[in-house]
Amino acid sequence: MTASEVTDLIAALRSGTLTLEEVVDRFRCRSWPRSRRPTPGSAIEMAESQDPEPDVPGSCDDLTAAYDRGEITRQQYRVLAHAAADAINAAAEPPN
């Protein structure tokens, strides 16, 4: 497993170094890399989209993997996923 800021924050949560609220704050403030391909625009891209994508370190993939491994609870996953979504949505909003 490749270490990333997300995996480091989850490890700090598990060890008690950071609280859930502190990790939530950091999740809301960080930049989240895109972890999925854009919608295919051609037949070739459509065919390529059928291949499984590798996990993107530092993305929500790390959060989901931690949950799948049992490193965080369902409630922690839900709270952290919402914090990540808040950051992603804020970054996507056009400036006023």
N, C-alpha and C. Protein backbone atom coordinates (compact mmCIF):
# COMPACT_ATOMS: atom_id res chain seq x y z
N MET A 1 0.84 -1.18 0.00
CA MET A 1 0.00 0.00 0.00
C MET A 1 0.88 1.24 0.00
N THR A 2 0.56 2.16 -0.85
CA THR A 2 1.28 3.42 -0.93
C THR A 2 0.74 4.37 0.11
N ALA A 3 1.65 5.00 0.86
CA ALA A 3 1.22 5.97 1.86
C ALA A 3 0.81 7.26 1.17
N SER A 4 -0.20 7.90 1.72
CA SER A 4 -0.67 9.18 1.22
C SER A 4 -1.11 10.00 2.42
N GLU A 5 -1.44 11.25 2.16
CA GLU A 5 -1.95 12.09 3.24
C GLU A 5 -3.22 11.47 3.83
N VAL A 6 -4.07 10.91 2.99
CA VAL A 6 -5.32 10.31 3.46
C VAL A 6 -5.02 9.11 4.36
N THR A 7 -4.13 8.22 3.94
CA THR A 7 -3.81 7.06 4.77
C THR A 7 -3.13 7.49 6.06
N ASP A 8 -2.31 8.54 5.99
CA ASP A 8 -1.66 9.05 7.21
C ASP A 8 -2.70 9.61 8.18
N LEU A 9 -3.69 10.34 7.68
CA LEU A 9 -4.73 10.90 8.53
C LEU A 9 -5.58 9.79 9.16
N ILE A 10 -5.88 8.77 8.39
CA ILE A 10 -6.66 7.65 8.92
C ILE A 10 -5.85 6.91 9.99
N ALA A 11 -4.56 6.75 9.75
CA ALA A 11 -3.70 6.11 10.76
C ALA A 11 -3.66 6.94 12.04
N ALA A 12 -3.61 8.24 11.92
CA ALA A 12 -3.62 9.13 13.09
C ALA A 12 -4.95 9.03 13.83
N LEU A 13 -6.03 8.89 13.10
CA LEU A 13 -7.34 8.71 13.71
C LEU A 13 -7.38 7.40 14.49
N ARG A 14 -6.89 6.35 13.88
CA ARG A 14 -6.89 5.03 14.53
C ARG A 14 -6.02 5.00 15.78
N SER A 15 -4.90 5.71 15.74
CA SER A 15 -3.99 5.70 16.89
C SER A 15 -4.43 6.66 17.99
N GLY A 16 -5.38 7.53 17.68
CA GLY A 16 -5.84 8.50 18.66
C GLY A 16 -5.03 9.79 18.65
N THR A 17 -4.10 9.91 17.72
CA THR A 17 -3.31 11.14 17.58
C THR A 17 -4.18 12.30 17.14
N LEU A 18 -5.15 12.01 16.28
CA LEU A 18 -6.13 13.01 15.83
C LEU A 18 -7.52 12.51 16.15
N THR A 19 -8.42 13.44 16.43
CA THR A 19 -9.83 13.09 16.63
C THR A 19 -10.52 13.02 15.28
N LEU A 20 -11.71 12.45 15.27
CA LEU A 20 -12.50 12.41 14.04
C LEU A 20 -12.77 13.82 13.53
N GLU A 21 -13.06 14.75 14.43
CA GLU A 21 -13.34 16.13 14.03
C GLU A 21 -12.11 16.78 13.38
N GLU A 22 -10.93 16.48 13.90
CA GLU A 22 -9.71 17.04 13.31
C GLU A 22 -9.47 16.48 11.92
N VAL A 23 -9.72 15.19 11.73
CA VAL A 23 -9.54 14.58 10.41
C VAL A 23 -10.59 15.15 9.45
N VAL A 24 -11.81 15.33 9.92
CA VAL A 24 -12.87 15.93 9.09
C VAL A 24 -12.42 17.31 8.62
N ASP A 25 -11.91 18.13 9.53
CA ASP A 25 -11.44 19.47 9.16
C ASP A 25 -10.37 19.40 8.08
N ARG A 26 -9.44 18.48 8.23
CA ARG A 26 -8.37 18.34 7.22
C ARG A 26 -8.90 17.82 5.90
N PHE A 27 -9.85 16.90 5.95
CA PHE A 27 -10.46 16.40 4.71
C PHE A 27 -11.16 17.53 3.97
N ARG A 28 -11.82 18.42 4.70
CA ARG A 28 -12.56 19.52 4.06
C ARG A 28 -11.62 20.56 3.45
N CYS A 29 -10.40 20.64 3.95
CA CYS A 29 -9.46 21.67 3.48
C CYS A 29 -8.51 21.19 2.39
N ARG A 30 -8.44 19.90 2.18
CA ARG A 30 -7.45 19.40 1.23
C ARG A 30 -8.00 19.36 -0.19
N SER A 31 -7.08 19.26 -1.13
CA SER A 31 -7.43 19.11 -2.53
C SER A 31 -7.51 17.61 -2.84
N TRP A 32 -8.58 17.17 -3.41
CA TRP A 32 -8.81 15.75 -3.70
C TRP A 32 -8.57 15.48 -5.18
N PRO A 33 -7.63 14.59 -5.49
CA PRO A 33 -7.40 14.26 -6.90
C PRO A 33 -8.57 13.46 -7.47
N ARG A 34 -8.76 13.61 -8.74
CA ARG A 34 -9.80 12.85 -9.44
C ARG A 34 -9.41 11.37 -9.42
N SER A 35 -10.34 10.51 -9.08
CA SER A 35 -10.01 9.09 -9.00
C SER A 35 -10.73 8.25 -10.05
N ARG A 36 -11.52 8.88 -10.86
CA ARG A 36 -12.23 8.15 -11.91
C ARG A 36 -12.04 8.86 -13.25
N ARG A 37 -12.09 8.05 -14.29
CA ARG A 37 -11.95 8.59 -15.64
C ARG A 37 -13.17 9.44 -16.00
N PRO A 38 -12.94 10.44 -16.85
CA PRO A 38 -14.09 11.21 -17.35
C PRO A 38 -14.96 10.34 -18.26
N THR A 39 -16.14 10.79 -18.55
CA THR A 39 -17.05 10.07 -19.44
C THR A 39 -16.40 9.90 -20.80
N PRO A 40 -16.41 8.67 -21.33
CA PRO A 40 -15.78 8.42 -22.63
C PRO A 40 -16.42 9.23 -23.75
N GLY A 41 -15.57 9.73 -24.64
CA GLY A 41 -16.05 10.53 -25.76
C GLY A 41 -15.94 9.83 -27.10
N SER A 42 -15.30 8.66 -27.11
CA SER A 42 -15.14 7.93 -28.37
C SER A 42 -15.27 6.43 -28.09
N ALA A 43 -15.34 5.66 -29.17
CA ALA A 43 -15.45 4.20 -29.04
C ALA A 43 -14.20 3.63 -28.37
N ILE A 44 -13.04 4.18 -28.69
CA ILE A 44 -11.79 3.70 -28.09
C ILE A 44 -11.79 3.99 -26.58
N GLU A 45 -12.19 5.20 -26.22
CA GLU A 45 -12.26 5.54 -24.80
C GLU A 45 -13.30 4.67 -24.08
N MET A 46 -14.38 4.35 -24.75
CA MET A 46 -15.41 3.49 -24.16
C MET A 46 -14.82 2.10 -23.89
N ALA A 47 -14.08 1.57 -24.85
CA ALA A 47 -13.46 0.26 -24.67
C ALA A 47 -12.43 0.29 -23.53
N GLU A 48 -11.64 1.36 -23.48
CA GLU A 48 -10.63 1.49 -22.42
C GLU A 48 -11.29 1.64 -21.05
N SER A 49 -12.47 2.20 -21.00
CA SER A 49 -13.14 2.42 -19.72
C SER A 49 -13.61 1.11 -19.09
N GLN A 50 -13.60 0.04 -19.85
CA GLN A 50 -14.01 -1.26 -19.32
C GLN A 50 -12.93 -1.89 -18.46
N ASP A 51 -11.67 -1.44 -18.63
CA ASP A 51 -10.57 -1.96 -17.82
C ASP A 51 -10.68 -1.41 -16.40
N PRO A 52 -10.40 -2.24 -15.39
CA PRO A 52 -10.43 -1.72 -14.02
C PRO A 52 -9.37 -0.64 -13.83
N GLU A 53 -9.73 0.35 -13.08
CA GLU A 53 -8.81 1.46 -12.84
C GLU A 53 -8.01 1.20 -11.57
N PRO A 54 -6.74 1.54 -11.58
CA PRO A 54 -5.97 1.41 -10.34
C PRO A 54 -6.40 2.48 -9.34
N ASP A 55 -6.20 2.19 -8.06
CA ASP A 55 -6.50 3.20 -7.04
C ASP A 55 -5.57 4.39 -7.20
N VAL A 56 -6.10 5.57 -6.93
CA VAL A 56 -5.32 6.80 -7.02
C VAL A 56 -4.92 7.19 -5.60
N PRO A 57 -3.61 7.14 -5.27
CA PRO A 57 -3.19 7.53 -3.92
C PRO A 57 -3.61 8.96 -3.60
N GLY A 58 -4.08 9.15 -2.37
CA GLY A 58 -4.49 10.48 -1.93
C GLY A 58 -5.90 10.85 -2.33
N SER A 59 -6.61 9.91 -2.96
CA SER A 59 -7.98 10.19 -3.39
C SER A 59 -8.96 9.49 -2.44
N CYS A 60 -10.22 9.58 -2.78
CA CYS A 60 -11.24 8.89 -1.99
C CYS A 60 -11.07 7.37 -2.04
N ASP A 61 -10.29 6.89 -3.01
CA ASP A 61 -9.99 5.46 -3.07
C ASP A 61 -9.33 5.00 -1.77
N ASP A 62 -8.44 5.83 -1.21
CA ASP A 62 -7.77 5.47 0.05
C ASP A 62 -8.77 5.37 1.19
N LEU A 63 -9.74 6.25 1.22
CA LEU A 63 -10.77 6.23 2.26
C LEU A 63 -11.60 4.96 2.15
N THR A 64 -12.04 4.64 0.95
CA THR A 64 -12.84 3.44 0.73
C THR A 64 -12.05 2.18 1.06
N ALA A 65 -10.79 2.15 0.69
CA ALA A 65 -9.95 0.99 0.98
C ALA A 65 -9.78 0.80 2.49
N ALA A 66 -9.62 1.90 3.22
CA ALA A 66 -9.49 1.81 4.68
C ALA A 66 -10.77 1.22 5.29
N TYR A 67 -11.91 1.64 4.79
CA TYR A 67 -13.17 1.09 5.28
C TYR A 67 -13.28 -0.40 4.93
N ASP A 68 -12.92 -0.75 3.70
CA ASP A 68 -12.99 -2.14 3.27
C ASP A 68 -12.09 -3.05 4.10
N ARG A 69 -10.97 -2.51 4.55
CA ARG A 69 -10.03 -3.28 5.39
C ARG A 69 -10.45 -3.30 6.86
N GLY A 70 -11.51 -2.58 7.21
CA GLY A 70 -11.97 -2.55 8.59
C GLY A 70 -11.19 -1.61 9.48
N GLU A 71 -10.46 -0.66 8.88
CA GLU A 71 -9.64 0.27 9.65
C GLU A 71 -10.46 1.41 10.25
N ILE A 72 -11.62 1.68 9.67
CA ILE A 72 -12.52 2.70 10.20
C ILE A 72 -13.92 2.12 10.23
N THR A 73 -14.73 2.66 11.10
CA THR A 73 -16.10 2.17 11.23
C THR A 73 -16.98 2.73 10.12
N ARG A 74 -18.17 2.19 10.02
CA ARG A 74 -19.12 2.68 9.03
C ARG A 74 -19.45 4.15 9.28
N GLN A 75 -19.65 4.50 10.56
CA GLN A 75 -19.96 5.89 10.90
C GLN A 75 -18.79 6.81 10.56
N GLN A 76 -17.57 6.40 10.88
CA GLN A 76 -16.40 7.21 10.54
C GLN A 76 -16.29 7.38 9.03
N TYR A 77 -16.51 6.29 8.31
CA TYR A 77 -16.46 6.35 6.84
C TYR A 77 -17.48 7.36 6.32
N ARG A 78 -18.69 7.28 6.84
CA ARG A 78 -19.76 8.16 6.38
C ARG A 78 -19.40 9.63 6.63
N VAL A 79 -18.92 9.95 7.83
CA VAL A 79 -18.57 11.32 8.18
C VAL A 79 -17.41 11.81 7.32
N LEU A 80 -16.40 10.97 7.14
CA LEU A 80 -15.22 11.36 6.35
C LEU A 80 -15.57 11.49 4.87
N ALA A 81 -16.41 10.62 4.36
CA ALA A 81 -16.82 10.70 2.96
C ALA A 81 -17.59 11.99 2.70
N HIS A 82 -18.43 12.40 3.65
CA HIS A 82 -19.16 13.67 3.49
C HIS A 82 -18.19 14.85 3.52
N ALA A 83 -17.18 14.79 4.37
CA ALA A 83 -16.18 15.87 4.42
C ALA A 83 -15.42 15.95 3.10
N ALA A 84 -15.04 14.80 2.56
CA ALA A 84 -14.34 14.78 1.27
C ALA A 84 -15.24 15.34 0.17
N ALA A 85 -16.52 14.95 0.19
CA ALA A 85 -17.47 15.45 -0.82
C ALA A 85 -17.63 16.96 -0.71
N ASP A 86 -17.66 17.48 0.52
CA ASP A 86 -17.75 18.93 0.70
C ASP A 86 -16.58 19.63 0.02
N ALA A 87 -15.37 19.10 0.21
CA ALA A 87 -14.17 19.71 -0.40
C ALA A 87 -14.20 19.60 -1.92
N ILE A 88 -14.61 18.45 -2.43
CA ILE A 88 -14.67 18.25 -3.88
C ILE A 88 -15.71 19.20 -4.49
N ASN A 89 -16.86 19.29 -3.85
CA ASN A 89 -17.92 20.18 -4.37
C ASN A 89 -17.50 21.65 -4.30
N ALA A 90 -16.82 22.04 -3.23
CA ALA A 90 -16.36 23.43 -3.10
C ALA A 90 -15.34 23.77 -4.20
N ALA A 91 -14.48 22.80 -4.52
CA ALA A 91 -13.47 23.03 -5.56
C ALA A 91 -14.11 23.11 -6.95
N ALA A 92 -15.24 22.46 -7.13
CA ALA A 92 -15.91 22.44 -8.44
C ALA A 92 -16.80 23.65 -8.67
N GLU A 93 -17.13 24.36 -7.60
CA GLU A 93 -18.02 25.52 -7.74
C GLU A 93 -17.28 26.67 -8.43
N PRO A 94 -17.92 27.28 -9.42
CA PRO A 94 -17.28 28.42 -10.10
C PRO A 94 -17.19 29.61 -9.13
N PRO A 95 -16.12 30.39 -9.24
CA PRO A 95 -16.00 31.57 -8.37
C PRO A 95 -17.08 32.60 -8.72
N ASN A 96 -17.48 33.35 -7.72
CA ASN A 96 -18.52 34.39 -7.94
C ASN A 96 -17.96 35.60 -8.61
